[in-house]
């Protein structure tokens, strides 16, 4: 994998060093969390994605942030981390 820089848009004063997690070889049999960040039409995209993931045998769990302008609450992030092996966060306008 090429060397990549990932920027965190949450307004942190200092940069956090993070390495990407290895991607799974296949999605079938995994629990995948889909996070709707509460922007218009994000749910439309996630509906289509959920259908595609279900077709390959993934179990899909849906989550929704209270607002797109702030990070997800700690309890929601914890729940997602405990319940899911893969997470996809999506937005659309």
C-alpha atoms as a PDB file:
ATOM      1  CA  UNK A   1       0.000   0.000   0.000  1.00  0.00           C
ATOM      2  CA  UNK A   2       1.350   3.427  -0.893  1.00  0.00           C
ATOM      3  CA  UNK A   3       2.244   5.856   1.871  1.00  0.00           C
ATOM      4  CA  UNK A   4      -0.871   7.934   2.571  1.00  0.00           C
ATOM      5  CA  UNK A   5      -1.733  10.851   4.811  1.00  0.00           C
ATOM      6  CA  UNK A   6      -5.201  10.824   6.329  1.00  0.00           C
ATOM      7  CA  UNK A   7      -6.522  14.146   7.620  1.00  0.00           C
ATOM      8  CA  UNK A   8      -8.975  14.320  10.492  1.00  0.00           C
ATOM      9  CA  UNK A   9     -11.482  17.171   9.952  1.00  0.00           C
ATOM     10  CA  UNK A  10     -12.539  17.441  13.611  1.00  0.00           C
ATOM     11  CA  UNK A  11     -10.422  20.502  14.430  1.00  0.00           C
ATOM     12  CA  UNK A  12      -7.860  18.868  16.679  1.00  0.00           C
ATOM     13  CA  UNK A  13      -4.971  21.142  17.671  1.00  0.00           C
ATOM     14  CA  UNK A  14      -2.369  18.383  17.398  1.00  0.00           C
ATOM     15  CA  UNK A  15      -2.196  15.685  14.743  1.00  0.00           C
ATOM     16  CA  UNK A  16      -2.881  12.163  15.915  1.00  0.00           C
ATOM     17  CA  UNK A  17      -0.717   9.452  14.392  1.00  0.00           C
ATOM     18  CA  UNK A  18      -2.924   6.631  13.145  1.00  0.00           C
ATOM     19  CA  UNK A  19      -2.228   3.688  10.878  1.00  0.00           C
ATOM     20  CA  UNK A  20      -4.948   2.240   8.656  1.00  0.00           C
ATOM     21  CA  UNK A  21      -6.315  -1.107   9.787  1.00  0.00           C
ATOM     22  CA  UNK A  22      -5.849  -4.004   7.359  1.00  0.00           C
ATOM     23  CA  UNK A  23      -8.887  -4.571   5.155  1.00  0.00           C
ATOM     24  CA  UNK A  24     -10.661  -7.933   5.370  1.00  0.00           C
ATOM     25  CA  UNK A  25     -10.218 -10.281   2.410  1.00  0.00           C
ATOM     26  CA  UNK A  26     -14.021 -10.622   2.057  1.00  0.00           C
ATOM     27  CA  UNK A  27     -17.114  -9.047   3.631  1.00  0.00           C
ATOM     28  CA  UNK A  28     -19.354 -12.129   3.706  1.00  0.00           C
ATOM     29  CA  UNK A  29     -20.028 -13.278   7.259  1.00  0.00           C
ATOM     30  CA  UNK A  30     -18.873 -10.020   8.842  1.00  0.00           C
ATOM     31  CA  UNK A  31     -20.989  -7.512  10.757  1.00  0.00           C
ATOM     32  CA  UNK A  32     -20.746  -4.160   9.009  1.00  0.00           C
ATOM     33  CA  UNK A  33     -21.872  -0.923  10.607  1.00  0.00           C
ATOM     34  CA  UNK A  34     -23.246   1.806   8.357  1.00  0.00           C
ATOM     35  CA  UNK A  35     -23.159   5.268   9.917  1.00  0.00           C
ATOM     36  CA  UNK A  36     -25.513   7.941   8.641  1.00  0.00           C
ATOM     37  CA  UNK A  37     -24.039  11.303   9.634  1.00  0.00           C
ATOM     38  CA  UNK A  38     -27.447  13.028   9.305  1.00  0.00           C
ATOM     39  CA  UNK A  39     -26.842  14.910   6.076  1.00  0.00           C
ATOM     40  CA  UNK A  40     -29.567  14.989   3.423  1.00  0.00           C
ATOM     41  CA  UNK A  41     -29.803  11.869   1.234  1.00  0.00           C
ATOM     42  CA  UNK A  42     -27.111   9.967   3.122  1.00  0.00           C
ATOM     43  CA  UNK A  43     -29.748   7.386   4.000  1.00  0.00           C
ATOM     44  CA  UNK A  44     -30.517   6.871   0.293  1.00  0.00           C
ATOM     45  CA  UNK A  45     -26.895   5.945  -0.384  1.00  0.00           C
ATOM     46  CA  UNK A  46     -26.728   3.706   2.691  1.00  0.00           C
ATOM     47  CA  UNK A  47     -29.949   1.901   1.687  1.00  0.00           C
ATOM     48  CA  UNK A  48     -28.306   0.885  -1.605  1.00  0.00           C
ATOM     49  CA  UNK A  49     -25.071  -0.054   0.120  1.00  0.00           C
ATOM     50  CA  UNK A  50     -26.924  -2.169   2.673  1.00  0.00           C
ATOM     51  CA  UNK A  51     -28.644  -4.100  -0.119  1.00  0.00           C
ATOM     52  CA  UNK A  52     -25.310  -4.788  -1.860  1.00  0.00           C
ATOM     53  CA  UNK A  53     -23.619  -5.873   1.364  1.00  0.00           C
ATOM     54  CA  UNK A  54     -26.510  -8.163   2.270  1.00  0.00           C
ATOM     55  CA  UNK A  55     -26.208  -9.769  -1.174  1.00  0.00           C
ATOM     56  CA  UNK A  56     -22.624 -10.846  -0.378  1.00  0.00           C
ATOM     57  CA  UNK A  57     -23.642 -12.328   2.987  1.00  0.00           C
ATOM     58  CA  UNK A  58     -22.715  -9.521   5.358  1.00  0.00           C
ATOM     59  CA  UNK A  59     -24.839  -8.696   8.381  1.00  0.00           C
ATOM     60  CA  UNK A  60     -25.557  -4.954   8.362  1.00  0.00           C
ATOM     61  CA  UNK A  61     -26.274  -2.742  11.363  1.00  0.00           C
ATOM     62  CA  UNK A  62     -27.380   0.871  10.896  1.00  0.00           C
ATOM     63  CA  UNK A  63     -26.454   3.829  13.087  1.00  0.00           C
ATOM     64  CA  UNK A  64     -27.190   7.553  12.878  1.00  0.00           C
ATOM     65  CA  UNK A  65     -25.339  10.484  14.393  1.00  0.00           C
ATOM     66  CA  UNK A  66     -27.549  13.135  16.029  1.00  0.00           C
ATOM     67  CA  UNK A  67     -25.956  15.859  13.887  1.00  0.00           C
ATOM     68  CA  UNK A  68     -23.386  16.027  11.115  1.00  0.00           C
ATOM     69  CA  UNK A  69     -21.626  19.024  12.661  1.00  0.00           C
ATOM     70  CA  UNK A  70     -20.170  17.176  15.671  1.00  0.00           C
ATOM     71  CA  UNK A  71     -18.382  13.868  16.243  1.00  0.00           C
ATOM     72  CA  UNK A  72     -20.565  10.904  17.185  1.00  0.00           C
ATOM     73  CA  UNK A  73     -21.263  10.652  20.918  1.00  0.00           C
ATOM     74  CA  UNK A  74     -18.897   8.403  22.870  1.00  0.00           C
ATOM     75  CA  UNK A  75     -21.614   5.882  23.734  1.00  0.00           C
ATOM     76  CA  UNK A  76     -22.545   5.509  20.042  1.00  0.00           C
ATOM     77  CA  UNK A  77     -18.897   5.053  19.022  1.00  0.00           C
ATOM     78  CA  UNK A  78     -18.461   2.424  21.740  1.00  0.00           C
ATOM     79  CA  UNK A  79     -21.586   0.553  20.637  1.00  0.00           C
ATOM     80  CA  UNK A  80     -20.386   0.513  17.021  1.00  0.00           C
ATOM     81  CA  UNK A  81     -16.913  -0.710  18.038  1.00  0.00           C
ATOM     82  CA  UNK A  82     -18.385  -3.554  20.097  1.00  0.00           C
ATOM     83  CA  UNK A  83     -21.034  -4.625  17.572  1.00  0.00           C
ATOM     84  CA  UNK A  84     -19.171  -4.333  14.238  1.00  0.00           C
ATOM     85  CA  UNK A  85     -16.080  -5.698  12.552  1.00  0.00           C
ATOM     86  CA  UNK A  86     -16.158  -3.192   9.684  1.00  0.00           C
ATOM     87  CA  UNK A  87     -17.580   0.354   9.616  1.00  0.00           C
ATOM     88  CA  UNK A  88     -18.576   2.544   6.687  1.00  0.00           C
ATOM     89  CA  UNK A  89     -19.406   6.181   7.330  1.00  0.00           C
ATOM     90  CA  UNK A  90     -21.145   7.973   4.494  1.00  0.00           C
ATOM     91  CA  UNK A  91     -22.555  11.339   3.613  1.00  0.00           C
ATOM     92  CA  UNK A  92     -24.358  12.802   0.662  1.00  0.00           C
ATOM     93  CA  UNK A  93     -25.820  16.143  -0.271  1.00  0.00           C
END
